Amino acid sequence: MSDILKTASMVAMFGELLCDSPKEKNDWKKKMLNATGMLDFPEDWDDLSEDEKQSRLDKVIALNKEIKNENV
């Protein structure tokens, strides 16, 4: 996994602290992960509920966190 994606995942986690609403948190996380240019979001992303978006984003972040810990 790319160091860029790992770093973006760490920055994306700050959304939980910096943002207030679930939508703002999800938008922040997506923006940080999307900035890597390494992820594709489904065409129907905007149609998903905020809960579903959060679940998917958090899984990507957790996966990258797990991989980082394995490499330490």
C-alpha atoms as a PDB file:
ATOM      1  CA  MET A   1       0.000   0.000   0.000  1.00  0.00           C
ATOM      2  CA  SER A   2       1.282   3.424  -0.849  1.00  0.00           C
ATOM      3  CA  ASP A   3       2.661   5.720   1.824  1.00  0.00           C
ATOM      4  CA  ILE A   4       0.589   8.469   0.234  1.00  0.00           C
ATOM      5  CA  LEU A   5      -2.623   6.521   0.858  1.00  0.00           C
ATOM      6  CA  LYS A   6      -1.577   5.750   4.433  1.00  0.00           C
ATOM      7  CA  THR A   7      -0.854   9.417   5.084  1.00  0.00           C
ATOM      8  CA  ALA A   8      -4.138  10.497   3.494  1.00  0.00           C
ATOM      9  CA  SER A   9      -5.959   8.019   5.728  1.00  0.00           C
ATOM     10  CA  MET A  10      -4.346   9.499   8.812  1.00  0.00           C
ATOM     11  CA  VAL A  11      -5.295  13.025   7.733  1.00  0.00           C
ATOM     12  CA  ALA A  12      -8.811  11.832   6.900  1.00  0.00           C
ATOM     13  CA  MET A  13      -9.246  10.686  10.508  1.00  0.00           C
ATOM     14  CA  PHE A  14      -8.917  14.306  11.610  1.00  0.00           C
ATOM     15  CA  GLY A  15     -12.349  14.845  10.087  1.00  0.00           C
ATOM     16  CA  GLU A  16     -13.824  13.296  13.217  1.00  0.00           C
ATOM     17  CA  LEU A  17     -12.315  16.135  15.262  1.00  0.00           C
ATOM     18  CA  LEU A  18     -12.512  19.047  12.843  1.00  0.00           C
ATOM     19  CA  CYS A  19     -16.037  18.587  11.526  1.00  0.00           C
ATOM     20  CA  ASP A  20     -19.401  18.670  13.252  1.00  0.00           C
ATOM     21  CA  SER A  21     -22.025  16.891  11.181  1.00  0.00           C
ATOM     22  CA  PRO A  22     -21.792  13.413   9.668  1.00  0.00           C
ATOM     23  CA  LYS A  23     -21.981  14.951   6.185  1.00  0.00           C
ATOM     24  CA  GLU A  24     -19.069  17.303   6.901  1.00  0.00           C
ATOM     25  CA  LYS A  25     -17.023  14.428   8.327  1.00  0.00           C
ATOM     26  CA  ASN A  26     -17.712  12.225   5.309  1.00  0.00           C
ATOM     27  CA  ASP A  27     -16.966  15.037   2.880  1.00  0.00           C
ATOM     28  CA  TRP A  28     -13.635  15.701   4.628  1.00  0.00           C
ATOM     29  CA  LYS A  29     -12.655  12.025   4.629  1.00  0.00           C
ATOM     30  CA  LYS A  30     -13.571  11.612   0.969  1.00  0.00           C
ATOM     31  CA  LYS A  31     -11.679  14.750   0.001  1.00  0.00           C
ATOM     32  CA  MET A  32      -8.521  13.600   1.780  1.00  0.00           C
ATOM     33  CA  LEU A  33      -8.665  10.074   0.344  1.00  0.00           C
ATOM     34  CA  ASN A  34      -9.622  11.279  -3.116  1.00  0.00           C
ATOM     35  CA  ALA A  35      -6.644  13.660  -3.173  1.00  0.00           C
ATOM     36  CA  THR A  36      -4.334  10.667  -3.564  1.00  0.00           C
ATOM     37  CA  GLY A  37      -5.800   9.871  -6.972  1.00  0.00           C
ATOM     38  CA  MET A  38      -5.581   6.203  -6.008  1.00  0.00           C
ATOM     39  CA  LEU A  39      -9.214   5.508  -5.167  1.00  0.00           C
ATOM     40  CA  ASP A  40     -12.343   5.392  -7.270  1.00  0.00           C
ATOM     41  CA  PHE A  41     -15.699   6.196  -5.768  1.00  0.00           C
ATOM     42  CA  PRO A  42     -18.854   4.646  -7.233  1.00  0.00           C
ATOM     43  CA  GLU A  43     -20.992   6.733  -9.551  1.00  0.00           C
ATOM     44  CA  ASP A  44     -23.893   6.526  -7.106  1.00  0.00           C
ATOM     45  CA  TRP A  45     -21.797   7.777  -4.151  1.00  0.00           C
ATOM     46  CA  ASP A  46     -23.959  10.885  -3.685  1.00  0.00           C
ATOM     47  CA  ASP A  47     -27.079   8.696  -3.513  1.00  0.00           C
ATOM     48  CA  LEU A  48     -25.770   6.723  -0.513  1.00  0.00           C
ATOM     49  CA  SER A  49     -26.869   7.568   3.006  1.00  0.00           C
ATOM     50  CA  GLU A  50     -24.375   9.363   5.241  1.00  0.00           C
ATOM     51  CA  ASP A  51     -24.254   6.240   7.425  1.00  0.00           C
ATOM     52  CA  GLU A  52     -23.268   4.079   4.447  1.00  0.00           C
ATOM     53  CA  LYS A  53     -20.677   6.624   3.309  1.00  0.00           C
ATOM     54  CA  GLN A  54     -19.200   6.709   6.808  1.00  0.00           C
ATOM     55  CA  SER A  55     -19.061   2.931   6.970  1.00  0.00           C
ATOM     56  CA  ARG A  56     -17.221   2.651   3.660  1.00  0.00           C
ATOM     57  CA  LEU A  57     -14.816   5.501   4.347  1.00  0.00           C
ATOM     58  CA  ASP A  58     -14.018   4.204   7.819  1.00  0.00           C
ATOM     59  CA  LYS A  59     -13.277   0.745   6.390  1.00  0.00           C
ATOM     60  CA  VAL A  60     -10.753   2.206   3.949  1.00  0.00           C
ATOM     61  CA  ILE A  61      -9.131   4.213   6.741  1.00  0.00           C
ATOM     62  CA  ALA A  62      -9.025   1.186   9.052  1.00  0.00           C
ATOM     63  CA  LEU A  63      -7.502  -0.976   6.322  1.00  0.00           C
ATOM     64  CA  ASN A  64      -4.720   1.523   5.738  1.00  0.00           C
ATOM     65  CA  LYS A  65      -4.135   1.867   9.475  1.00  0.00           C
ATOM     66  CA  GLU A  66      -3.871  -1.925   9.805  1.00  0.00           C
ATOM     67  CA  ILE A  67      -1.398  -2.166   6.960  1.00  0.00           C
ATOM     68  CA  LYS A  68       0.687   0.644   8.445  1.00  0.00           C
ATOM     69  CA  ASN A  69       0.847  -1.130  11.815  1.00  0.00           C
ATOM     70  CA  GLU A  70       1.961  -4.365  10.161  1.00  0.00           C
ATOM     71  CA  ASN A  71       4.854  -2.575   8.475  1.00  0.00           C
ATOM     72  CA  VAL A  72       6.146  -0.960  11.680  1.00  0.00           C
END
